[in-house]
Amino acid sequence: MTDADDARAELLRLRGTIDNIDAALIYMLAERFRATQQVGVLKAEHAMPPSDPAREEQQVARLRALAEEAHLDPEFAEKWFNFVVAEVIRHHTEAAEGR
């Protein structure tokens, strides 16, 4: 085997790892959205607002700290959370309008 063959084999191995992580992330996000949809139904049933700014602020702080511990850019973690929360609030708003 040449160095180039070794590099290609290593590249394939690393890409396989990345593909597995991506699949796990998709399933985890699906599970998260199932839970947040239940929250949305509960909020709608009890006329609670779709968003909870205090909770979101606590979560941002918590996720930024976790990101730092994991050696992940806290700014990225916050952007990811804000993206997910926007979708969650959309679901909660739809649930409230459906009541």
C-alpha atoms as a PDB file:
ATOM      1  CA  MET A   1       0.000   0.000   0.000  1.00  0.00           C
ATOM      2  CA  THR A   2       1.193   3.480  -0.848  1.00  0.00           C
ATOM      3  CA  ASP A   3       0.925   6.582   1.268  1.00  0.00           C
ATOM      4  CA  ALA A   4      -1.852   7.761  -1.049  1.00  0.00           C
ATOM      5  CA  ASP A   5      -3.753   4.497  -0.489  1.00  0.00           C
ATOM      6  CA  ASP A   6      -3.329   4.872   3.270  1.00  0.00           C
ATOM      7  CA  ALA A   7      -4.592   8.450   3.089  1.00  0.00           C
ATOM      8  CA  ARG A   8      -7.652   7.398   1.037  1.00  0.00           C
ATOM      9  CA  ALA A   9      -8.437   4.599   3.496  1.00  0.00           C
ATOM     10  CA  GLU A  10      -8.126   7.008   6.421  1.00  0.00           C
ATOM     11  CA  LEU A  11     -10.336   9.530   4.608  1.00  0.00           C
ATOM     12  CA  LEU A  12     -13.017   6.872   4.087  1.00  0.00           C
ATOM     13  CA  ARG A  13     -12.810   5.859   7.751  1.00  0.00           C
ATOM     14  CA  LEU A  14     -13.139   9.461   8.936  1.00  0.00           C
ATOM     15  CA  ARG A  15     -16.043  10.119   6.570  1.00  0.00           C
ATOM     16  CA  GLY A  16     -17.778   7.001   7.878  1.00  0.00           C
ATOM     17  CA  THR A  17     -17.413   8.377  11.401  1.00  0.00           C
ATOM     18  CA  ILE A  18     -18.810  11.739  10.294  1.00  0.00           C
ATOM     19  CA  ASP A  19     -21.758  10.030   8.563  1.00  0.00           C
ATOM     20  CA  ASN A  20     -22.558   8.085  11.739  1.00  0.00           C
ATOM     21  CA  ILE A  21     -22.419  11.235  13.857  1.00  0.00           C
ATOM     22  CA  ASP A  22     -24.676  13.071  11.368  1.00  0.00           C
ATOM     23  CA  ALA A  23     -27.222  10.233  11.549  1.00  0.00           C
ATOM     24  CA  ALA A  24     -27.149  10.309  15.354  1.00  0.00           C
ATOM     25  CA  LEU A  25     -27.656  14.090  15.341  1.00  0.00           C
ATOM     26  CA  ILE A  26     -30.707  13.781  13.070  1.00  0.00           C
ATOM     27  CA  TYR A  27     -32.295  11.177  15.343  1.00  0.00           C
ATOM     28  CA  MET A  28     -31.506  13.267  18.438  1.00  0.00           C
ATOM     29  CA  LEU A  29     -33.035  16.365  16.829  1.00  0.00           C
ATOM     30  CA  ALA A  30     -36.145  14.383  15.919  1.00  0.00           C
ATOM     31  CA  GLU A  31     -36.449  13.236  19.537  1.00  0.00           C
ATOM     32  CA  ARG A  32     -35.943  16.807  20.760  1.00  0.00           C
ATOM     33  CA  PHE A  33     -38.695  18.080  18.460  1.00  0.00           C
ATOM     34  CA  ARG A  34     -41.074  15.354  19.630  1.00  0.00           C
ATOM     35  CA  ALA A  35     -40.549  16.612  23.193  1.00  0.00           C
ATOM     36  CA  THR A  36     -40.893  20.278  22.263  1.00  0.00           C
ATOM     37  CA  GLN A  37     -44.073  19.544  20.308  1.00  0.00           C
ATOM     38  CA  GLN A  38     -45.539  18.066  23.488  1.00  0.00           C
ATOM     39  CA  VAL A  39     -44.541  21.279  25.273  1.00  0.00           C
ATOM     40  CA  GLY A  40     -46.266  23.263  22.528  1.00  0.00           C
ATOM     41  CA  VAL A  41     -49.500  21.309  22.942  1.00  0.00           C
ATOM     42  CA  LEU A  42     -49.361  21.773  26.712  1.00  0.00           C
ATOM     43  CA  LYS A  43     -48.772  25.506  26.340  1.00  0.00           C
ATOM     44  CA  ALA A  44     -51.621  25.792  23.840  1.00  0.00           C
ATOM     45  CA  GLU A  45     -54.015  23.888  26.107  1.00  0.00           C
ATOM     46  CA  HIS A  46     -53.244  26.277  28.968  1.00  0.00           C
ATOM     47  CA  ALA A  47     -53.018  29.509  26.932  1.00  0.00           C
ATOM     48  CA  MET A  48     -49.319  29.921  27.711  1.00  0.00           C
ATOM     49  CA  PRO A  49     -47.170  32.001  25.337  1.00  0.00           C
ATOM     50  CA  PRO A  50     -45.235  30.090  22.645  1.00  0.00           C
ATOM     51  CA  SER A  51     -41.895  31.542  23.724  1.00  0.00           C
ATOM     52  CA  ASP A  52     -40.277  31.762  27.135  1.00  0.00           C
ATOM     53  CA  PRO A  53     -37.469  34.344  26.954  1.00  0.00           C
ATOM     54  CA  ALA A  54     -36.220  33.650  30.500  1.00  0.00           C
ATOM     55  CA  ARG A  55     -35.916  29.917  29.772  1.00  0.00           C
ATOM     56  CA  GLU A  56     -34.214  30.629  26.453  1.00  0.00           C
ATOM     57  CA  GLU A  57     -31.702  32.932  28.174  1.00  0.00           C
ATOM     58  CA  GLN A  58     -30.905  30.222  30.753  1.00  0.00           C
ATOM     59  CA  GLN A  59     -30.477  27.656  28.001  1.00  0.00           C
ATOM     60  CA  VAL A  60     -28.137  29.895  26.012  1.00  0.00           C
ATOM     61  CA  ALA A  61     -25.920  30.360  29.073  1.00  0.00           C
ATOM     62  CA  ARG A  62     -25.983  26.636  29.830  1.00  0.00           C
ATOM     63  CA  LEU A  63     -25.208  25.619  26.249  1.00  0.00           C
ATOM     64  CA  ARG A  64     -22.420  28.182  25.925  1.00  0.00           C
ATOM     65  CA  ALA A  65     -20.802  26.748  29.073  1.00  0.00           C
ATOM     66  CA  LEU A  66     -21.210  23.191  27.757  1.00  0.00           C
ATOM     67  CA  ALA A  67     -19.710  24.245  24.435  1.00  0.00           C
ATOM     68  CA  GLU A  68     -16.680  25.702  26.175  1.00  0.00           C
ATOM     69  CA  GLU A  69     -16.212  22.470  28.147  1.00  0.00           C
ATOM     70  CA  ALA A  70     -16.494  20.479  24.911  1.00  0.00           C
ATOM     71  CA  HIS A  71     -14.039  22.767  23.084  1.00  0.00           C
ATOM     72  CA  LEU A  72     -16.773  23.926  20.710  1.00  0.00           C
ATOM     73  CA  ASP A  73     -17.184  27.570  19.770  1.00  0.00           C
ATOM     74  CA  PRO A  74     -19.824  28.982  22.170  1.00  0.00           C
ATOM     75  CA  GLU A  75     -20.969  31.400  19.451  1.00  0.00           C
ATOM     76  CA  PHE A  76     -21.732  28.427  17.204  1.00  0.00           C
ATOM     77  CA  ALA A  77     -23.630  26.686  20.018  1.00  0.00           C
ATOM     78  CA  GLU A  78     -25.713  29.810  20.575  1.00  0.00           C
ATOM     79  CA  LYS A  79     -26.448  30.197  16.839  1.00  0.00           C
ATOM     80  CA  TRP A  80     -27.498  26.546  16.664  1.00  0.00           C
ATOM     81  CA  PHE A  81     -29.776  26.959  19.689  1.00  0.00           C
ATOM     82  CA  ASN A  82     -31.360  30.131  18.301  1.00  0.00           C
ATOM     83  CA  PHE A  83     -32.017  28.343  15.008  1.00  0.00           C
ATOM     84  CA  VAL A  84     -33.679  25.416  16.785  1.00  0.00           C
ATOM     85  CA  VAL A  85     -35.695  27.662  19.121  1.00  0.00           C
ATOM     86  CA  ALA A  86     -37.056  29.631  16.155  1.00  0.00           C
ATOM     87  CA  GLU A  87     -38.425  26.380  14.734  1.00  0.00           C
ATOM     88  CA  VAL A  88     -39.796  25.317  18.120  1.00  0.00           C
ATOM     89  CA  ILE A  89     -41.591  28.656  18.559  1.00  0.00           C
ATOM     90  CA  ARG A  90     -43.067  28.247  15.076  1.00  0.00           C
ATOM     91  CA  HIS A  91     -44.414  24.826  16.124  1.00  0.00           C
ATOM     92  CA  HIS A  92     -45.771  26.244  19.392  1.00  0.00           C
ATOM     93  CA  THR A  93     -47.458  29.120  17.567  1.00  0.00           C
ATOM     94  CA  GLU A  94     -49.068  26.668  15.142  1.00  0.00           C
ATOM     95  CA  ALA A  95     -50.257  24.548  18.065  1.00  0.00           C
ATOM     96  CA  ALA A  96     -51.764  27.613  19.770  1.00  0.00           C
ATOM     97  CA  GLU A  97     -53.519  28.719  16.585  1.00  0.00           C
ATOM     98  CA  GLY A  98     -54.920  25.224  16.156  1.00  0.00           C
ATOM     99  CA  ARG A  99     -56.709  25.397  19.532  1.00  0.00           C
END
